[in-house]
Amino acid sequence: MKTKHTLKYIISCCLLAITFTSIAQQKDTIVYKTPYGLRLGIDISKPIMGMIDTNSSGLEFVADYRITKRWFIAAEFGNQEERTVEDYTISNAKGNFFKIGANYNAYKNWLDMNNEIFVGFRYARSNFEQTLLSYRSNTGSDYFSGSTNTTPITSKGLSAQWTEFVLGLKVETFKNLYMGMSFSYKVMLSLQHPNNFKTLYVPGFNRVFETETGFGFNYTISYLIPFVNK
């Protein structure tokens, strides 16, 4: 009788083990697919800054295309206008720009999530014009101020090239709708200056300092157009 009960116990354990193994295998075979496609959006920080600061205006569009699980081709393009007020000069720069490069998503998503914490690189170029609206000579004295010239002097056909190192994130708030923000560190490669004046602002690059480096920020809303699920 003991042998018979022992045999039944062993058979029950084997059947139970087979059942759990089958369930585990079914769970392992669940496949979560993620969308690959073109994501288009707009940087809303520039219109907001334009409402706060009347000297600044611009519009920037953003796009990226997923090529592998973690790599994206990315681009930005737009136009910008900025009035720069100095102690002795007032100048205005306006023009177009584009940036192209790639992003690497360093964030490991859970299941079917599609969020990103990414690092990226961009090559950027801007074509712009700069107008010296007014200037005053520096006499070096508070009592004898120089005369102010208000005849605008415009230099057209200027260009600049630079690189950007980008750090940012994108969060899927609704189905295929993303909110994102990024910071960028910019290094100027080449820059044209007007005759007898210095370029103080480049559309897409922002303010040009002595080191010819700068920083940028954007806050984006974008929508993913999925072409295929992988």
Protein backbone atom coordinates (compact mmCIF):
# COMPACT_ATOMS: atom_id res chain seq x y z
CA MET A 1 0.00 0.00 0.00
CA LYS A 2 2.85 2.37 0.81
CA THR A 3 4.39 1.76 -2.61
CA LYS A 4 1.07 2.46 -4.29
CA HIS A 5 0.61 5.76 -2.42
CA THR A 6 4.20 6.75 -3.12
CA LEU A 7 3.71 6.11 -6.84
CA LYS A 8 0.54 8.25 -6.88
CA TYR A 9 2.41 11.05 -5.09
CA ILE A 10 5.25 10.97 -7.60
CA ILE A 11 2.83 11.00 -10.55
CA SER A 12 0.91 13.96 -9.04
CA CYS A 13 4.13 15.93 -8.54
CA CYS A 14 5.20 15.22 -12.12
CA LEU A 15 1.83 16.37 -13.49
CA LEU A 16 1.99 19.52 -11.36
CA ALA A 17 5.52 20.28 -12.57
CA ILE A 18 4.46 19.79 -16.20
CA THR A 19 1.52 22.16 -15.67
CA PHE A 20 3.70 24.92 -14.21
CA THR A 21 6.28 24.45 -16.97
CA SER A 22 3.58 24.80 -19.62
CA ILE A 23 2.25 28.00 -18.02
CA ALA A 24 5.77 29.46 -17.79
CA GLN A 25 6.42 28.67 -21.44
CA GLN A 26 3.18 30.39 -22.43
CA LYS A 27 4.24 33.51 -20.54
CA ASP A 28 7.66 33.43 -22.17
CA THR A 29 6.09 33.36 -25.62
CA ILE A 30 4.17 36.64 -25.09
CA VAL A 31 5.65 39.16 -27.56
CA TYR A 32 5.41 42.91 -27.01
CA LYS A 33 5.78 44.87 -30.23
CA THR A 34 6.99 48.46 -30.41
CA PRO A 35 6.20 50.94 -33.21
CA TYR A 36 8.80 52.08 -35.74
CA GLY A 37 7.98 55.22 -37.69
CA LEU A 38 8.33 58.96 -38.20
CA ARG A 39 7.80 61.28 -35.23
CA LEU A 40 7.03 64.94 -35.97
CA GLY A 41 6.68 67.79 -33.52
CA ILE A 42 7.26 71.39 -32.56
CA ASP A 43 9.37 73.18 -29.97
CA ILE A 44 6.87 75.21 -27.92
CA SER A 45 9.56 76.99 -25.86
CA LYS A 46 10.33 79.49 -28.65
CA PRO A 47 6.74 80.83 -29.04
CA ILE A 48 6.49 81.06 -25.25
CA MET A 49 9.76 83.03 -25.06
CA GLY A 50 8.46 85.29 -27.84
CA MET A 51 5.44 86.18 -25.71
CA ILE A 52 7.66 86.92 -22.70
CA ASP A 53 10.47 88.75 -24.54
CA THR A 54 9.47 91.05 -27.42
CA ASN A 55 13.08 91.03 -28.68
CA SER A 56 12.90 87.33 -29.50
CA SER A 57 10.78 85.28 -31.91
CA GLY A 58 11.12 81.97 -33.70
CA LEU A 59 9.67 78.64 -34.66
CA GLU A 60 11.35 75.22 -34.64
CA PHE A 61 10.11 71.84 -35.88
CA VAL A 62 11.57 68.52 -34.73
CA ALA A 63 11.57 65.06 -36.29
CA ASP A 64 13.11 61.66 -35.73
CA TYR A 65 12.94 58.24 -37.34
CA ARG A 66 13.62 54.99 -35.53
CA ILE A 67 16.09 52.72 -37.33
CA THR A 68 16.92 50.15 -34.62
CA LYS A 69 15.77 49.31 -31.11
CA ARG A 70 17.83 52.14 -29.58
CA TRP A 71 19.00 54.36 -32.46
CA PHE A 72 17.07 57.25 -34.06
CA ILE A 73 17.91 59.60 -36.92
CA ALA A 74 17.00 63.08 -35.67
CA ALA A 75 16.62 66.54 -37.21
CA GLU A 76 15.45 70.04 -36.30
CA PHE A 77 14.80 73.02 -38.56
CA GLY A 78 13.24 76.45 -38.23
CA ASN A 79 13.77 80.19 -38.22
CA GLN A 80 14.62 82.71 -35.55
CA GLU A 81 14.93 86.47 -35.06
CA GLU A 82 16.64 88.18 -32.15
CA ARG A 83 17.34 91.80 -31.26
CA THR A 84 20.49 92.25 -29.18
CA VAL A 85 20.85 95.40 -27.06
CA GLU A 86 24.39 96.27 -25.92
CA ASP A 87 25.80 99.34 -24.17
CA TYR A 88 26.70 101.05 -27.46
CA THR A 89 24.94 99.03 -30.14
CA ILE A 90 21.55 97.59 -31.04
CA SER A 91 21.57 94.85 -33.65
CA ASN A 92 19.11 92.38 -35.14
CA ALA A 93 19.79 88.90 -36.52
CA LYS A 94 17.31 86.76 -38.42
CA GLY A 95 17.52 83.65 -40.57
CA ASN A 96 16.95 79.93 -40.96
CA PHE A 97 18.72 76.90 -39.55
CA PHE A 98 18.74 73.12 -39.69
CA LYS A 99 20.31 70.39 -37.57
CA ILE A 100 20.78 66.70 -38.36
CA GLY A 101 22.25 63.82 -36.38
CA ALA A 102 21.31 60.82 -34.25
CA ASN A 103 19.95 59.93 -30.80
CA TYR A 104 20.73 56.86 -28.70
CA ASN A 105 18.06 55.78 -26.21
CA ALA A 106 19.82 54.71 -23.01
CA TYR A 107 16.57 53.90 -21.20
CA LYS A 108 15.40 50.27 -20.98
CA ASN A 109 11.60 50.30 -21.22
CA TRP A 110 9.27 47.96 -19.37
CA LEU A 111 7.05 45.75 -21.52
CA ASP A 112 5.32 47.93 -24.15
CA MET A 113 6.50 51.34 -22.90
CA ASN A 114 8.17 53.69 -25.41
CA ASN A 115 9.88 56.34 -23.29
CA GLU A 116 13.38 57.68 -23.90
CA ILE A 117 16.35 59.05 -22.02
CA PHE A 118 18.70 59.82 -24.86
CA VAL A 119 22.08 61.25 -25.77
CA GLY A 120 22.68 62.67 -29.22
CA PHE A 121 24.90 64.53 -31.63
CA ARG A 122 24.05 67.15 -34.27
CA TYR A 123 25.68 68.95 -37.15
CA ALA A 124 24.00 72.35 -37.60
CA ARG A 125 24.08 75.21 -40.09
CA SER A 126 22.44 78.63 -40.23
CA ASN A 127 22.04 81.15 -43.05
CA PHE A 128 21.17 84.59 -41.73
CA GLU A 129 21.47 88.34 -42.03
CA GLN A 130 22.46 90.84 -39.39
CA THR A 131 21.42 94.48 -39.19
CA LEU A 132 23.21 97.06 -37.08
CA LEU A 133 20.22 99.22 -36.11
CA SER A 134 22.10 101.88 -34.17
CA TYR A 135 25.50 102.47 -32.65
CA ARG A 136 27.19 105.09 -30.49
CA SER A 137 30.89 105.78 -30.19
CA ASN A 138 32.53 105.08 -26.85
CA THR A 139 34.16 108.30 -25.65
CA GLY A 140 35.22 106.82 -22.34
CA SER A 141 33.49 109.63 -20.48
CA ASP A 142 30.10 109.92 -18.80
CA TYR A 143 30.04 113.68 -19.43
CA PHE A 144 30.74 113.66 -23.17
CA SER A 145 28.68 110.96 -24.81
CA GLY A 146 29.25 110.15 -28.45
CA SER A 147 26.68 110.79 -31.17
CA THR A 148 24.28 107.97 -32.05
CA ASN A 149 23.98 106.77 -35.63
CA THR A 150 20.55 105.29 -36.37
CA THR A 151 21.04 104.48 -40.05
CA PRO A 152 20.56 100.68 -40.35
CA ILE A 153 23.44 98.72 -41.89
CA THR A 154 22.43 95.25 -43.10
CA SER A 155 24.81 92.41 -43.95
CA LYS A 156 23.20 89.54 -45.85
CA GLY A 157 24.41 86.08 -46.86
CA LEU A 158 26.11 85.26 -43.55
CA SER A 159 26.46 81.65 -42.41
CA ALA A 160 27.57 79.62 -39.42
CA GLN A 161 28.26 75.94 -38.75
CA TRP A 162 28.48 74.19 -35.39
CA THR A 163 28.08 70.88 -33.55
CA GLU A 164 25.78 70.04 -30.66
CA PHE A 165 25.92 67.43 -27.92
CA VAL A 166 22.39 66.69 -26.71
CA LEU A 167 20.90 65.16 -23.56
CA GLY A 168 17.15 64.77 -23.25
CA LEU A 169 14.06 62.70 -22.57
CA LYS A 170 10.74 61.91 -24.26
CA VAL A 171 7.68 60.52 -22.47
CA GLU A 172 4.64 58.98 -24.14
CA THR A 173 1.74 60.73 -22.42
CA PHE A 174 -1.02 59.33 -24.66
CA LYS A 175 -1.01 56.79 -27.49
CA ASN A 176 1.75 57.95 -29.91
CA LEU A 177 1.80 61.45 -28.34
CA TYR A 178 5.07 62.51 -26.69
CA MET A 179 6.27 65.33 -24.46
CA GLY A 180 10.00 65.96 -24.44
CA MET A 181 12.77 68.27 -23.34
CA SER A 182 16.47 68.45 -24.09
CA PHE A 183 19.61 70.41 -23.28
CA SER A 184 22.42 70.98 -25.76
CA TYR A 185 26.03 72.13 -25.60
CA LYS A 186 27.11 73.90 -28.80
CA VAL A 187 30.58 74.37 -30.29
CA MET A 188 31.03 76.74 -33.23
CA LEU A 189 32.96 75.41 -36.24
CA SER A 190 32.85 78.43 -38.55
CA LEU A 191 31.20 81.84 -38.38
CA GLN A 192 30.99 84.80 -40.75
CA HIS A 193 31.02 88.35 -39.40
CA PRO A 194 29.75 91.56 -41.06
CA ASN A 195 32.29 94.18 -42.13
CA ASN A 196 33.47 96.29 -39.17
CA PHE A 197 31.11 94.50 -36.78
CA LYS A 198 30.89 91.21 -34.92
CA THR A 199 28.12 88.61 -35.12
CA LEU A 200 26.47 88.61 -31.69
CA TYR A 201 23.63 86.18 -32.35
CA VAL A 202 23.12 83.24 -34.73
CA PRO A 203 19.65 81.75 -35.34
CA GLY A 204 19.62 78.19 -34.01
CA PHE A 205 22.85 78.70 -32.05
CA ASN A 206 21.71 81.59 -29.82
CA ARG A 207 24.08 84.16 -28.31
CA VAL A 208 27.69 83.98 -29.50
CA PHE A 209 30.20 84.43 -26.68
CA GLU A 210 33.96 84.93 -26.83
CA THR A 211 34.57 81.19 -26.50
CA GLU A 212 32.18 80.54 -29.43
CA THR A 213 30.37 77.94 -27.35
CA GLY A 214 26.82 78.04 -26.06
CA PHE A 215 23.87 76.20 -24.58
CA GLY A 216 20.35 75.48 -25.77
CA PHE A 217 17.07 74.14 -24.44
CA ASN A 218 13.83 72.99 -26.02
CA TYR A 219 10.47 71.66 -24.86
CA THR A 220 8.63 69.66 -27.50
CA ILE A 221 5.29 68.09 -28.32
CA SER A 222 5.46 65.41 -31.00
CA TYR A 223 3.33 62.70 -32.57
CA LEU A 224 4.52 59.32 -33.83
CA ILE A 225 3.26 58.08 -37.22
CA PRO A 226 3.88 54.31 -36.90
CA PHE A 227 4.81 52.50 -40.12
CA VAL A 228 5.45 49.03 -38.67
CA ASN A 229 5.51 47.21 -35.33
CA LYS A 230 8.58 45.15 -34.46
